[in-house]
Amino acid sequence: MTNREKLATMSNEDLAEILSNLVDPCRFCIDDSCGQKTCVDNIKRWLESEAEITQ
């Protein structure tokens, strides 16, 4: 199993917890105006939202 495959098996809750501990967790937050240092619930909502298509 690769690290990427391991990440793919994680729950949104576990992945949100990891992302919230990054240097810039707001990058993954669905509420870009909250201004909090950690926001696991908002990151979890972002993980569950539809991806924006970028080209």
N, C-alpha and C. Protein backbone atom coordinates (compact mmCIF):
# COMPACT_ATOMS: atom_id res chain seq x y z
N MET A 1 0.86 -1.18 0.00
CA MET A 1 0.00 0.00 0.00
C MET A 1 0.90 1.25 0.00
N THR A 2 0.61 2.17 -0.90
CA THR A 2 1.36 3.42 -0.95
C THR A 2 0.78 4.40 0.07
N ASN A 3 1.52 5.48 0.33
CA ASN A 3 1.01 6.51 1.24
C ASN A 3 -0.27 7.13 0.69
N ARG A 4 -0.34 7.31 -0.62
CA ARG A 4 -1.54 7.87 -1.24
C ARG A 4 -2.73 6.95 -1.03
N GLU A 5 -2.52 5.66 -1.19
CA GLU A 5 -3.59 4.69 -0.97
C GLU A 5 -4.03 4.69 0.49
N LYS A 6 -3.09 4.84 1.41
CA LYS A 6 -3.43 4.91 2.82
C LYS A 6 -4.30 6.14 3.10
N LEU A 7 -3.94 7.28 2.50
CA LEU A 7 -4.75 8.48 2.66
C LEU A 7 -6.16 8.27 2.13
N ALA A 8 -6.27 7.54 1.03
CA ALA A 8 -7.58 7.30 0.41
C ALA A 8 -8.48 6.46 1.30
N THR A 9 -7.91 5.68 2.20
CA THR A 9 -8.73 4.84 3.08
C THR A 9 -9.13 5.55 4.37
N MET A 10 -8.60 6.75 4.60
CA MET A 10 -8.91 7.47 5.83
C MET A 10 -10.31 8.06 5.78
N SER A 11 -10.91 8.19 6.95
CA SER A 11 -12.22 8.84 7.02
C SER A 11 -12.04 10.34 6.84
N ASN A 12 -13.11 11.04 6.47
CA ASN A 12 -13.04 12.50 6.34
C ASN A 12 -12.67 13.14 7.67
N GLU A 13 -13.14 12.59 8.76
CA GLU A 13 -12.82 13.10 10.10
C GLU A 13 -11.31 13.04 10.35
N ASP A 14 -10.69 11.88 10.05
CA ASP A 14 -9.25 11.71 10.26
C ASP A 14 -8.45 12.64 9.35
N LEU A 15 -8.85 12.72 8.09
CA LEU A 15 -8.14 13.57 7.15
C LEU A 15 -8.31 15.05 7.51
N ALA A 16 -9.49 15.44 7.95
CA ALA A 16 -9.72 16.83 8.38
C ALA A 16 -8.84 17.18 9.57
N GLU A 17 -8.66 16.24 10.47
CA GLU A 17 -7.79 16.46 11.63
C GLU A 17 -6.35 16.72 11.18
N ILE A 18 -5.88 15.94 10.23
CA ILE A 18 -4.52 16.14 9.71
C ILE A 18 -4.40 17.49 9.01
N LEU A 19 -5.35 17.80 8.14
CA LEU A 19 -5.30 19.06 7.40
C LEU A 19 -5.39 20.28 8.31
N SER A 20 -6.10 20.14 9.42
CA SER A 20 -6.25 21.28 10.34
C SER A 20 -4.95 21.59 11.07
N ASN A 21 -4.01 20.68 11.07
CA ASN A 21 -2.74 20.88 11.74
C ASN A 21 -1.64 21.38 10.81
N LEU A 22 -1.98 21.66 9.56
CA LEU A 22 -1.01 22.18 8.62
C LEU A 22 -0.73 23.66 8.88
N VAL A 23 0.28 24.19 8.23
CA VAL A 23 0.65 25.59 8.40
C VAL A 23 -0.50 26.51 8.00
N ASP A 24 -1.21 26.19 6.94
CA ASP A 24 -2.31 27.03 6.46
C ASP A 24 -3.59 26.21 6.34
N PRO A 25 -4.21 25.84 7.47
CA PRO A 25 -5.40 25.00 7.40
C PRO A 25 -6.58 25.70 6.72
N CYS A 26 -6.58 27.03 6.70
CA CYS A 26 -7.69 27.76 6.08
C CYS A 26 -7.79 27.48 4.58
N ARG A 27 -6.72 27.00 4.00
CA ARG A 27 -6.73 26.64 2.58
C ARG A 27 -7.75 25.54 2.30
N PHE A 28 -8.01 24.72 3.31
CA PHE A 28 -8.92 23.59 3.15
C PHE A 28 -10.25 23.79 3.87
N CYS A 29 -10.50 25.00 4.30
CA CYS A 29 -11.71 25.29 5.08
C CYS A 29 -12.82 25.79 4.16
N ILE A 30 -14.03 25.33 4.37
CA ILE A 30 -15.15 25.74 3.54
C ILE A 30 -15.61 27.16 3.87
N ASP A 31 -15.29 27.62 5.09
CA ASP A 31 -15.70 28.96 5.54
C ASP A 31 -14.46 29.84 5.58
N ASP A 32 -14.18 30.55 4.49
CA ASP A 32 -12.94 31.32 4.40
C ASP A 32 -12.97 32.61 5.21
N SER A 33 -14.03 32.85 5.97
CA SER A 33 -14.09 34.06 6.78
C SER A 33 -14.05 33.76 8.28
N CYS A 34 -13.85 32.51 8.67
CA CYS A 34 -13.92 32.16 10.09
C CYS A 34 -12.72 32.66 10.87
N GLY A 35 -11.52 32.66 10.28
CA GLY A 35 -10.33 33.18 10.94
C GLY A 35 -9.82 32.39 12.12
N GLN A 36 -10.31 31.17 12.32
CA GLN A 36 -9.84 30.35 13.43
C GLN A 36 -8.58 29.60 13.04
N LYS A 37 -7.79 29.23 14.02
CA LYS A 37 -6.55 28.49 13.77
C LYS A 37 -6.84 27.05 13.39
N THR A 38 -7.82 26.44 14.02
CA THR A 38 -8.19 25.08 13.66
C THR A 38 -9.68 25.04 13.39
N CYS A 39 -10.08 24.28 12.41
CA CYS A 39 -11.50 24.20 12.07
C CYS A 39 -11.81 22.85 11.44
N VAL A 40 -11.67 21.80 12.22
CA VAL A 40 -11.86 20.44 11.72
C VAL A 40 -13.24 20.26 11.09
N ASP A 41 -14.28 20.79 11.73
CA ASP A 41 -15.63 20.61 11.19
C ASP A 41 -15.78 21.27 9.82
N ASN A 42 -15.24 22.48 9.66
CA ASN A 42 -15.34 23.15 8.36
C ASN A 42 -14.49 22.46 7.30
N ILE A 43 -13.33 21.93 7.67
CA ILE A 43 -12.50 21.19 6.72
C ILE A 43 -13.22 19.91 6.32
N LYS A 44 -13.86 19.26 7.26
CA LYS A 44 -14.63 18.05 6.95
C LYS A 44 -15.74 18.39 5.95
N ARG A 45 -16.42 19.52 6.16
CA ARG A 45 -17.45 19.95 5.21
C ARG A 45 -16.84 20.20 3.83
N TRP A 46 -15.63 20.78 3.80
CA TRP A 46 -14.94 21.02 2.52
C TRP A 46 -14.63 19.69 1.83
N LEU A 47 -14.17 18.70 2.59
CA LEU A 47 -13.86 17.39 2.02
C LEU A 47 -15.11 16.74 1.44
N GLU A 48 -16.25 17.01 2.03
CA GLU A 48 -17.51 16.40 1.58
C GLU A 48 -18.19 17.19 0.46
N SER A 49 -17.66 18.37 0.14
CA SER A 49 -18.27 19.21 -0.91
C SER A 49 -17.75 18.80 -2.29
N GLU A 50 -18.46 19.23 -3.31
CA GLU A 50 -18.06 18.94 -4.69
C GLU A 50 -16.78 19.69 -5.02
N ALA A 51 -15.90 19.04 -5.74
CA ALA A 51 -14.63 19.67 -6.15
C ALA A 51 -14.87 20.70 -7.23
N GLU A 52 -14.11 21.78 -7.17
CA GLU A 52 -14.17 22.79 -8.22
C GLU A 52 -13.22 22.36 -9.33
N ILE A 53 -13.70 22.44 -10.55
CA ILE A 53 -12.89 22.06 -11.72
C ILE A 53 -11.94 23.21 -12.05
N THR A 54 -10.64 22.92 -12.06
CA THR A 54 -9.64 23.93 -12.46
C THR A 54 -8.89 23.40 -13.67
N GLN A 55 -8.52 24.34 -14.51
CA GLN A 55 -7.81 23.93 -15.72
C GLN A 55 -6.46 24.57 -15.80
